[in-house]
Amino acid sequence: MHPERSQPDRAHEFLASGYLAHVGFAVQGAPGEAPQPYVIPLTYQFDAEEPNSLYLHGGVKSRVMDHLATGAPVCVTVTLLDGLVYAKTALHHSMNYRSVVVFGRGRLVEDPAKKGAVLEKMIRRYWPDRQVGRDYSAAPEGHLKITSLAEIQIETMSAKLREGGPNGPGDNDPEAVGTAGVTLLREF
């Protein structure tokens, strides 16, 4: 549905712009039971220097990090909501968004130097004006030991975009009953 929204060439851009990743995975239950699906929100790091890697930050003792450590497949989504689209017909209400779906496999980052460097990049991405030494202390080894970082090796990904105003019948007709437009959401 809506193949015109596909934006494969912008997937890296959308990943670099997002703030919250939702990680989907399934854990096998007892014999004879179906796998239990989970979707967990996590902060992440992505930049053009490593276009095939996505880093996820989480707690050392967490189901998602335990799963990522196994190398099992995961699905990671990032969505940026840009506006709420209202139309003159109920059917044509929508949202303006940018989204990416990533498929890959994870592994834990064990090297303290690598972990520290990625986490530092993550802090700079979320808070560009903050500087280590001036605004906060660098993470000591003890903090790195109680923080988990997983690298997702990106196997495939897709991106979609919906932008613009409402496109239902009568939305551009000032004589038609109702209102139509876009409520923009604030940017970070």
Protein backbone atom coordinates (compact mmCIF):
# COMPACT_ATOMS: atom_id res chain seq x y z
CA MET A 1 0.00 0.00 0.00
CA HIS A 2 1.36 3.43 -1.01
CA PRO A 3 4.44 2.33 -2.96
CA GLU A 4 5.00 6.01 -3.81
CA ARG A 5 6.12 6.54 -0.22
CA SER A 6 9.15 4.28 -0.58
CA GLN A 7 12.41 6.21 -0.05
CA PRO A 8 15.24 3.64 -0.07
CA ASP A 9 17.90 6.26 -0.82
CA ARG A 10 16.98 8.21 2.33
CA ALA A 11 17.11 5.35 4.86
CA HIS A 12 20.49 6.44 6.28
CA GLU A 13 19.29 10.04 6.56
CA PHE A 14 16.17 9.00 8.47
CA LEU A 15 18.20 6.77 10.83
CA ALA A 16 20.63 9.61 11.53
CA SER A 17 17.70 11.97 12.32
CA GLY A 18 15.78 9.74 14.73
CA TYR A 19 15.91 9.45 18.50
CA LEU A 20 14.02 6.31 19.47
CA ALA A 21 14.34 2.82 18.03
CA HIS A 22 11.82 0.05 18.61
CA VAL A 23 13.49 -3.36 18.58
CA GLY A 24 11.32 -6.33 17.64
CA PHE A 25 12.34 -9.90 18.38
CA ALA A 26 10.81 -13.25 19.30
CA VAL A 27 11.86 -15.54 22.14
CA GLN A 28 11.07 -19.24 21.94
CA GLY A 29 8.98 -20.44 24.86
CA ALA A 30 8.63 -23.94 26.24
CA PRO A 31 8.51 -26.84 23.78
CA GLY A 32 5.24 -26.76 21.86
CA GLU A 33 4.60 -23.09 22.60
CA ALA A 34 4.76 -20.39 19.96
CA PRO A 35 7.57 -17.83 20.18
CA GLN A 36 6.69 -14.79 22.30
CA PRO A 37 7.17 -11.52 20.38
CA TYR A 38 8.53 -8.40 22.10
CA VAL A 39 9.03 -4.81 20.99
CA ILE A 40 11.32 -2.72 23.21
CA PRO A 41 12.13 1.01 22.81
CA LEU A 42 15.83 1.88 23.02
CA THR A 43 18.16 4.78 22.36
CA TYR A 44 20.58 4.21 19.52
CA GLN A 45 23.57 5.48 17.60
CA PHE A 46 23.88 5.66 13.84
CA ASP A 47 26.10 7.75 11.62
CA ALA A 48 27.47 7.74 8.09
CA GLU A 49 30.92 6.60 9.28
CA GLU A 50 29.50 3.10 9.81
CA PRO A 51 26.58 2.83 7.37
CA ASN A 52 26.08 -0.90 7.94
CA SER A 53 25.94 -0.75 11.75
CA LEU A 54 23.31 0.44 14.17
CA TYR A 55 24.17 0.54 17.89
CA LEU A 56 21.56 -0.02 20.60
CA HIS A 57 22.03 1.05 24.21
CA GLY A 58 20.46 -0.96 27.02
CA GLY A 59 20.85 -2.48 30.43
CA VAL A 60 23.23 -5.37 31.06
CA LYS A 61 20.45 -7.52 32.49
CA SER A 62 17.70 -7.12 29.90
CA ARG A 63 15.79 -9.53 27.70
CA VAL A 64 16.53 -7.54 24.55
CA MET A 65 20.29 -7.42 25.16
CA ASP A 66 20.34 -11.13 26.00
CA HIS A 67 18.58 -11.78 22.70
CA LEU A 68 20.91 -9.52 20.71
CA ALA A 69 23.94 -11.30 22.18
CA THR A 70 22.82 -14.54 20.50
CA GLY A 71 23.02 -13.15 16.97
CA ALA A 72 19.38 -14.04 16.35
CA PRO A 73 17.47 -11.92 13.82
CA VAL A 74 15.88 -8.65 14.90
CA CYS A 75 13.81 -5.92 13.34
CA VAL A 76 14.49 -2.31 14.34
CA THR A 77 12.18 0.57 13.42
CA VAL A 78 12.69 4.30 13.74
CA THR A 79 9.84 6.71 13.03
CA LEU A 80 9.91 10.49 13.04
CA LEU A 81 6.44 12.01 13.27
CA ASP A 82 6.40 15.38 11.50
CA GLY A 83 2.74 16.34 11.43
CA LEU A 84 -0.86 15.30 11.89
CA VAL A 85 -2.92 15.59 8.71
CA TYR A 86 -6.63 16.33 9.07
CA ALA A 87 -9.06 16.09 6.19
CA LYS A 88 -12.69 16.85 5.38
CA THR A 89 -13.47 13.13 5.35
CA ALA A 90 -12.64 10.66 8.13
CA LEU A 91 -10.95 8.25 5.72
CA HIS A 92 -8.31 10.75 4.61
CA HIS A 93 -6.88 11.72 8.01
CA SER A 94 -3.21 10.75 8.11
CA MET A 95 0.25 11.58 9.46
CA ASN A 96 3.38 13.01 7.90
CA TYR A 97 6.31 10.82 8.86
CA ARG A 98 9.73 9.46 7.97
CA SER A 99 10.39 5.84 8.90
CA VAL A 100 13.03 3.16 8.55
CA VAL A 101 12.77 -0.59 9.06
CA VAL A 102 16.08 -2.39 9.60
CA PHE A 103 16.61 -6.14 9.56
CA GLY A 104 19.80 -7.58 10.94
CA ARG A 105 21.54 -9.54 13.65
CA GLY A 106 23.10 -8.27 16.83
CA ARG A 107 26.21 -8.84 18.86
CA LEU A 108 27.36 -7.26 22.08
CA VAL A 109 30.18 -4.73 21.97
CA GLU A 110 32.62 -5.94 24.63
CA ASP A 111 35.68 -3.74 23.95
CA PRO A 112 35.57 -0.89 26.52
CA ALA A 113 37.30 1.57 24.17
CA LYS A 114 34.82 0.89 21.35
CA LYS A 115 31.88 0.99 23.75
CA GLY A 116 33.03 4.30 25.22
CA ALA A 117 33.58 5.84 21.78
CA VAL A 118 30.13 4.82 20.51
CA LEU A 119 28.40 6.03 23.66
CA GLU A 120 30.25 9.36 23.40
CA LYS A 121 29.04 9.74 19.79
CA MET A 122 25.53 8.93 20.95
CA ILE A 123 25.62 11.65 23.60
CA ARG A 124 26.90 14.17 21.02
CA ARG A 125 24.14 13.14 18.59
CA TYR A 126 21.36 13.58 21.17
CA TRP A 127 22.90 16.68 22.83
CA PRO A 128 25.20 18.35 20.25
CA ASP A 129 26.17 21.26 22.51
CA ARG A 130 27.37 19.13 25.43
CA GLN A 131 31.09 18.48 25.74
CA VAL A 132 32.91 15.88 27.80
CA GLY A 133 35.01 17.55 30.48
CA ARG A 134 32.92 20.72 30.41
CA ASP A 135 29.34 19.48 30.78
CA TYR A 136 29.83 15.92 32.04
CA SER A 137 32.48 13.37 32.92
CA ALA A 138 33.51 10.63 30.51
CA ALA A 139 32.21 7.19 31.43
CA PRO A 140 34.70 5.36 33.66
CA GLU A 141 35.29 1.66 33.09
CA GLY A 142 32.93 0.78 35.96
CA HIS A 143 30.05 2.56 34.20
CA LEU A 144 30.88 0.86 30.91
CA LYS A 145 30.71 -2.54 32.62
CA ILE A 146 27.13 -1.92 33.76
CA THR A 147 26.01 -0.57 30.39
CA SER A 148 25.24 -2.84 27.48
CA LEU A 149 25.81 -1.85 23.87
CA ALA A 150 24.81 -4.02 20.93
CA GLU A 151 25.83 -3.60 17.34
CA ILE A 152 23.25 -4.55 14.75
CA GLN A 153 24.82 -5.57 11.47
CA ILE A 154 22.32 -4.20 8.97
CA GLU A 155 21.35 -6.84 6.40
CA THR A 156 18.50 -4.97 4.71
CA MET A 157 16.46 -1.86 5.33
CA SER A 158 13.66 0.14 3.81
CA ALA A 159 12.42 3.68 4.32
CA LYS A 160 9.11 5.46 3.78
CA LEU A 161 8.00 9.07 3.77
CA ARG A 162 4.59 10.73 3.85
CA GLU A 163 4.58 14.49 3.48
CA GLY A 164 2.22 17.21 2.35
CA GLY A 165 -1.33 18.08 3.10
CA PRO A 166 -4.59 16.17 3.00
CA ASN A 167 -5.58 14.68 -0.33
CA GLY A 168 -9.18 13.65 0.16
CA PRO A 169 -12.16 14.73 -1.90
CA GLY A 170 -12.99 18.36 -1.24
CA ASP A 171 -9.90 19.08 0.85
CA ASN A 172 -8.82 21.81 -1.58
CA ASP A 173 -12.36 23.12 -2.13
CA PRO A 174 -13.07 26.11 0.14
CA GLU A 175 -16.81 25.58 -0.46
CA ALA A 176 -16.79 21.98 0.82
CA VAL A 177 -17.95 21.38 4.37
CA GLY A 178 -15.26 20.83 6.98
CA THR A 179 -11.64 21.78 7.55
CA ALA A 180 -8.40 20.34 6.27
CA GLY A 181 -4.74 20.98 6.96
CA VAL A 182 -1.62 19.86 8.81
CA THR A 183 -0.75 20.35 12.45
CA LEU A 184 3.03 20.49 12.49
CA LEU A 185 4.83 18.88 15.39
CA ARG A 186 7.73 20.67 16.97
CA GLU A 187 11.23 19.71 15.97
CA PHE A 188 13.99 18.89 18.41
